[in-house]
Amino acid sequence: MELSRIELLAKRSENLPIHEDVCRWGVELCYNRKATLEQFVTLFEQDVSLASKLLRVVLTSPGRPAPPITVRKAVEHMGLEGVRRTIFQLEAFRQAFESADERVERRTVHYSKHSYAVALIARQMATTRGDADPDELYAAGLFHDAGLLLLERYRPHMLDIISAKSEETGLALDAIERDEWGWDHYAISAVVAEERGMSRRTVSAIRSAGLPAIEQEFLIETSIVSIADALALKAGIHHHAPWLSGVVDELAADIVGLSEEESMELMKLATQCVTGKYLNHAA
């Protein structure tokens, strides 16, 4: 499959696959007339498919905010009624077009939880360092696997093959993708992020997350996303590939200067949030 064809799908696609529970929680919040903008920010920040839809809508709306566009900017721009409409549209799309395959549904929620964990770890690392933007790193973490969601919708058989080889060899999905296709899902994730108005820094951090050493201009940001991805896997928050243990890139670890103790704390933070608060919009 040529990369250009998949990239075209990424540019044209308005919706990523979304689990029915995600939409249900979103609709429940919509019907809560006491819901605040802050609660909607929390909801959209916890799921990549929700965030992707919101940013796509904002980019085509009149008087849209200047890029880079964050979830908070988008929610504030749309207002309560605007975000409610967005969620209802996404739920209508899900009911009409989403796959009834339980395996696809299960993998979709795995992607979402894993991406949320990576976003949390990346933001905390950026906050601790002080020389990287926490919001941009959060966005990079949240969207780093958007390419897998896109492939899940349009080319699930490709993922089946890659997943089987990954399980057989123990190699990371992106390593096998590059060997089989000449590109990886991070390249598609970067296109999705770019199409949704994210900064060049964020897009670059996503695109090179699998091979942080090749990124020169935004090496710190790319290294943070790469490490956050590995730590989420090590914590057991996987993107449908539980056989992957999560190997932290040594160069990235040296660049960021992350200690073993700090790694454990970040893994603990992500696990607590994902298992205790994932899409708990009332929290």
Protein backbone atom coordinates (compact mmCIF):
# COMPACT_ATOMS: atom_id res chain seq x y z
CA MET A 1 0.00 0.00 0.00
CA GLU A 2 1.50 3.30 -1.08
CA LEU A 3 1.94 5.89 1.62
CA SER A 4 0.44 8.60 -0.60
CA ARG A 5 -2.90 6.77 -0.80
CA ILE A 6 -3.11 6.35 2.98
CA GLU A 7 -2.13 9.98 3.47
CA LEU A 8 -4.97 11.02 1.17
CA LEU A 9 -7.40 9.03 3.31
CA ALA A 10 -5.99 10.75 6.39
CA LYS A 11 -6.56 14.17 4.85
CA ARG A 12 -10.11 13.42 3.72
CA SER A 13 -11.32 11.50 6.76
CA GLU A 14 -13.43 13.59 9.14
CA ASN A 15 -13.97 10.86 11.73
CA LEU A 16 -11.71 8.28 13.36
CA PRO A 17 -13.20 5.04 14.70
CA ILE A 18 -14.75 5.57 18.10
CA HIS A 19 -15.96 3.14 20.74
CA GLU A 20 -19.68 3.26 21.54
CA ASP A 21 -19.00 3.87 25.26
CA VAL A 22 -17.08 7.02 24.39
CA CYS A 23 -20.03 8.43 22.48
CA ARG A 24 -22.43 7.34 25.20
CA TRP A 25 -20.48 9.23 27.84
CA GLY A 26 -20.32 12.24 25.55
CA VAL A 27 -24.06 12.19 24.89
CA GLU A 28 -24.78 11.88 28.62
CA LEU A 29 -22.75 15.03 29.22
CA CYS A 30 -24.60 16.79 26.39
CA TYR A 31 -27.93 16.14 28.10
CA ASN A 32 -26.61 17.51 31.39
CA ARG A 33 -27.73 21.14 31.14
CA LYS A 34 -25.47 22.02 34.08
CA ALA A 35 -22.38 20.83 32.24
CA THR A 36 -19.57 23.38 31.98
CA LEU A 37 -17.04 24.11 29.26
CA GLU A 38 -14.33 22.76 31.57
CA GLN A 39 -16.09 19.38 31.73
CA PHE A 40 -16.21 19.26 27.93
CA VAL A 41 -12.50 20.15 27.76
CA THR A 42 -11.79 17.21 30.09
CA LEU A 43 -13.96 14.89 28.00
CA PHE A 44 -12.42 15.83 24.64
CA GLU A 45 -8.88 15.72 26.01
CA GLN A 46 -9.31 12.11 27.08
CA ASP A 47 -10.17 10.58 23.71
CA VAL A 48 -8.30 11.02 20.45
CA SER A 49 -11.38 10.37 18.27
CA LEU A 50 -13.42 13.01 20.07
CA ALA A 51 -10.56 15.50 19.93
CA SER A 52 -9.95 14.77 16.25
CA LYS A 53 -13.58 15.43 15.34
CA LEU A 54 -13.69 18.66 17.36
CA LEU A 55 -10.51 20.08 15.81
CA ARG A 56 -11.68 19.19 12.30
CA VAL A 57 -14.98 21.02 12.87
CA VAL A 58 -13.23 24.08 14.29
CA LEU A 59 -10.84 24.30 11.33
CA THR A 60 -13.81 24.67 8.97
CA SER A 61 -15.81 27.07 11.14
CA PRO A 62 -16.07 30.85 10.65
CA GLY A 63 -13.67 32.96 12.71
CA ARG A 64 -11.64 29.94 13.76
CA PRO A 65 -8.79 30.54 16.22
CA ALA A 66 -5.29 30.92 14.90
CA PRO A 67 -3.16 27.75 14.85
CA PRO A 68 -1.83 25.89 16.65
CA ILE A 69 -5.28 24.85 17.81
CA THR A 70 -5.59 23.02 21.13
CA VAL A 71 -8.62 21.19 22.51
CA ARG A 72 -9.19 23.99 25.02
CA LYS A 73 -9.08 26.64 22.30
CA ALA A 74 -11.48 24.60 20.19
CA VAL A 75 -14.00 24.06 23.00
CA GLU A 76 -13.94 27.73 23.94
CA HIS A 77 -14.42 28.69 20.28
CA MET A 78 -17.36 26.32 19.76
CA GLY A 79 -19.13 27.05 23.05
CA LEU A 80 -21.48 24.67 24.85
CA GLU A 81 -24.01 24.30 22.05
CA GLY A 82 -21.30 23.87 19.45
CA VAL A 83 -19.56 21.03 21.27
CA ARG A 84 -22.91 19.36 21.92
CA ARG A 85 -23.68 19.43 18.19
CA THR A 86 -20.27 17.94 17.45
CA ILE A 87 -20.83 15.02 19.81
CA PHE A 88 -24.31 14.32 18.44
CA GLN A 89 -22.93 14.34 14.87
CA LEU A 90 -20.20 11.91 15.85
CA GLU A 91 -22.68 9.58 17.55
CA ALA A 92 -24.93 9.64 14.46
CA PHE A 93 -21.91 8.78 12.28
CA ARG A 94 -20.89 5.95 14.62
CA GLN A 95 -24.34 4.38 14.53
CA ALA A 96 -24.48 4.57 10.75
CA PHE A 97 -21.00 3.48 9.76
CA GLU A 98 -18.97 1.90 12.56
CA SER A 99 -18.00 -1.75 12.36
CA ALA A 100 -20.00 -4.29 14.33
CA ASP A 101 -16.86 -6.43 14.67
CA GLU A 102 -16.22 -6.85 18.40
CA ARG A 103 -12.51 -7.24 17.77
CA VAL A 104 -12.37 -3.84 16.07
CA GLU A 105 -14.40 -2.28 18.89
CA ARG A 106 -12.06 -3.76 21.47
CA ARG A 107 -8.94 -2.58 19.68
CA THR A 108 -10.41 0.89 19.27
CA VAL A 109 -10.85 1.41 22.99
CA HIS A 110 -7.32 0.07 23.56
CA TYR A 111 -5.95 2.72 21.19
CA SER A 112 -7.87 5.45 23.02
CA LYS A 113 -6.76 4.43 26.51
CA HIS A 114 -3.15 4.00 25.42
CA SER A 115 -3.10 7.39 23.70
CA TYR A 116 -4.58 9.06 26.77
CA ALA A 117 -1.86 7.50 28.94
CA VAL A 118 0.89 8.63 26.55
CA ALA A 119 -0.56 12.15 26.55
CA LEU A 120 -0.59 12.29 30.36
CA ILE A 121 3.00 11.07 30.65
CA ALA A 122 4.23 13.41 27.91
CA ARG A 123 2.58 16.45 29.49
CA GLN A 124 4.02 15.64 32.92
CA MET A 125 7.51 15.19 31.47
CA ALA A 126 7.25 18.52 29.64
CA THR A 127 6.00 20.26 32.77
CA THR A 128 8.86 18.84 34.85
CA ARG A 129 11.52 19.79 32.30
CA GLY A 130 10.28 23.32 31.75
CA ASP A 131 11.78 23.62 28.25
CA ALA A 132 8.92 22.04 26.29
CA ASP A 133 5.29 23.07 25.89
CA PRO A 134 3.04 20.77 28.00
CA ASP A 135 -0.04 21.38 25.83
CA GLU A 136 1.82 20.58 22.61
CA LEU A 137 3.30 17.43 24.13
CA TYR A 138 -0.13 16.38 25.39
CA ALA A 139 -1.53 16.77 21.87
CA ALA A 140 1.38 14.81 20.41
CA GLY A 141 0.81 11.99 22.88
CA LEU A 142 -2.94 11.93 22.28
CA PHE A 143 -2.57 11.78 18.48
CA HIS A 144 0.57 9.66 18.15
CA ASP A 145 -1.44 6.52 17.28
CA ALA A 146 -4.17 8.20 15.24
CA GLY A 147 -2.67 6.43 12.22
CA LEU A 148 -3.54 3.07 13.76
CA LEU A 149 -7.14 4.18 14.16
CA LEU A 150 -7.23 5.30 10.55
CA LEU A 151 -5.83 1.97 9.37
CA GLU A 152 -8.34 0.20 11.62
CA ARG A 153 -11.14 1.87 9.68
CA TYR A 154 -9.84 1.60 6.12
CA ARG A 155 -7.25 -1.23 6.09
CA PRO A 156 -7.88 -3.55 9.09
CA HIS A 157 -6.40 -6.52 7.23
CA MET A 158 -3.06 -4.69 7.09
CA LEU A 159 -3.11 -4.31 10.85
CA ASP A 160 -3.98 -7.97 11.29
CA ILE A 161 -0.87 -8.99 9.36
CA ILE A 162 1.42 -6.55 11.17
CA SER A 163 0.01 -7.51 14.57
CA ALA A 164 0.52 -11.21 13.88
CA LYS A 165 4.15 -10.62 12.90
CA SER A 166 4.69 -8.40 15.94
CA GLU A 167 3.31 -11.07 18.25
CA GLU A 168 5.42 -13.74 16.58
CA THR A 169 8.68 -11.79 16.71
CA GLY A 170 8.16 -9.51 19.73
CA LEU A 171 9.18 -6.52 17.61
CA ALA A 172 7.32 -3.22 17.86
CA LEU A 173 4.52 -2.58 15.38
CA ASP A 174 6.25 0.43 13.84
CA ALA A 175 9.49 -1.50 13.25
CA ILE A 176 7.61 -4.18 11.30
CA GLU A 177 5.61 -1.53 9.44
CA ARG A 178 8.79 0.16 8.23
CA ASP A 179 10.21 -3.20 7.15
CA GLU A 180 7.03 -4.29 5.35
CA TRP A 181 5.73 -0.99 3.96
CA GLY A 182 8.65 1.44 4.08
CA TRP A 183 6.70 3.73 6.44
CA ASP A 184 4.99 3.47 9.81
CA HIS A 185 1.70 4.51 11.41
CA TYR A 186 3.38 7.55 12.99
CA ALA A 187 3.67 9.07 9.51
CA ILE A 188 -0.12 8.79 9.11
CA SER A 189 -0.70 10.11 12.64
CA ALA A 190 1.37 13.17 11.72
CA VAL A 191 -0.85 13.84 8.68
CA VAL A 192 -3.97 13.61 10.85
CA ALA A 193 -2.44 16.04 13.36
CA GLU A 194 -1.36 18.47 10.65
CA GLU A 195 -4.84 18.42 9.09
CA ARG A 196 -6.25 19.41 12.47
CA GLY A 197 -4.18 22.54 12.83
CA MET A 198 -1.45 21.37 15.18
CA SER A 199 1.92 23.07 15.28
CA ARG A 200 4.92 21.95 13.24
CA ARG A 201 6.63 21.04 16.51
CA THR A 202 3.77 18.72 17.50
CA VAL A 203 3.54 17.16 14.03
CA SER A 204 7.30 16.52 13.94
CA ALA A 205 7.27 14.93 17.39
CA ILE A 206 4.56 12.52 16.22
CA ARG A 207 6.15 11.73 12.85
CA SER A 208 9.51 10.74 14.33
CA ALA A 209 8.27 9.09 17.54
CA GLY A 210 9.32 5.65 16.33
CA LEU A 211 12.85 6.80 15.45
CA PRO A 212 13.63 9.83 17.66
CA ALA A 213 17.28 9.89 16.61
CA ILE A 214 16.36 11.04 13.09
CA GLU A 215 14.65 14.19 14.37
CA GLN A 216 17.05 17.10 14.73
CA GLU A 217 15.01 20.25 15.09
CA PHE A 218 12.57 19.02 17.76
CA LEU A 219 14.63 16.24 19.32
CA ILE A 220 13.49 16.89 22.90
CA GLU A 221 9.79 16.82 22.02
CA THR A 222 10.18 13.71 19.88
CA SER A 223 12.15 11.95 22.61
CA ILE A 224 9.47 12.76 25.18
CA VAL A 225 6.71 11.25 23.01
CA SER A 226 8.84 8.19 22.30
CA ILE A 227 9.53 7.63 26.00
CA ALA A 228 5.92 8.28 27.00
CA ASP A 229 4.78 5.68 24.46
CA ALA A 230 7.20 3.09 25.84
CA LEU A 231 6.32 3.82 29.47
CA ALA A 232 2.60 3.42 28.78
CA LEU A 233 3.33 0.00 27.27
CA LYS A 234 5.51 -0.94 30.23
CA ALA A 235 2.64 0.05 32.54
CA GLY A 236 0.42 -2.41 30.68
CA ILE A 237 -1.63 0.26 28.89
CA HIS A 238 -1.21 -1.11 25.39
CA HIS A 239 -2.60 -0.32 21.95
CA HIS A 240 -4.09 -3.81 21.39
CA ALA A 241 -0.63 -5.38 21.52
CA PRO A 242 -0.21 -6.76 25.08
CA TRP A 243 2.81 -8.81 24.07
CA LEU A 244 4.88 -5.62 23.71
CA SER A 245 6.84 -4.84 26.87
CA GLY A 246 7.76 -1.26 25.99
CA VAL A 247 11.46 -0.62 25.39
CA VAL A 248 12.62 2.92 26.13
CA ASP A 249 14.88 4.28 23.42
CA GLU A 250 18.31 4.74 25.03
CA LEU A 251 19.17 7.87 23.07
CA ALA A 252 15.82 9.43 23.96
CA ALA A 253 16.33 8.58 27.63
CA ASP A 254 19.79 10.19 27.58
CA ILE A 255 18.43 13.32 25.93
CA VAL A 256 15.57 13.73 28.37
CA GLY A 257 17.62 12.57 31.37
CA LEU A 258 14.87 10.41 32.86
CA SER A 259 15.75 8.35 35.93
CA GLU A 260 14.32 4.92 36.75
CA GLU A 261 12.50 6.39 39.74
CA GLU A 262 10.92 9.11 37.59
CA SER A 263 9.86 6.49 35.05
CA MET A 264 8.08 4.49 37.72
CA GLU A 265 6.25 7.57 38.99
CA LEU A 266 5.10 8.48 35.48
CA MET A 267 3.85 4.94 34.86
CA LYS A 268 1.99 5.03 38.16
CA LEU A 269 0.39 8.39 37.29
CA ALA A 270 -0.83 7.17 33.91
CA THR A 271 -2.19 3.91 35.32
CA GLN A 272 -4.13 5.67 38.06
CA CYS A 273 -5.66 8.18 35.66
CA VAL A 274 -6.54 5.73 32.91
CA THR A 275 -8.04 3.09 35.19
CA GLY A 276 -9.72 5.51 37.56
CA LYS A 277 -10.72 8.53 35.50
CA TYR A 278 -10.76 7.56 31.83
CA LEU A 279 -13.75 9.38 30.35
CA ASN A 280 -15.17 10.03 33.80
CA HIS A 281 -16.49 13.44 32.80
CA ALA A 282 -18.13 13.93 36.19
CA ALA A 283 -14.76 13.85 37.98
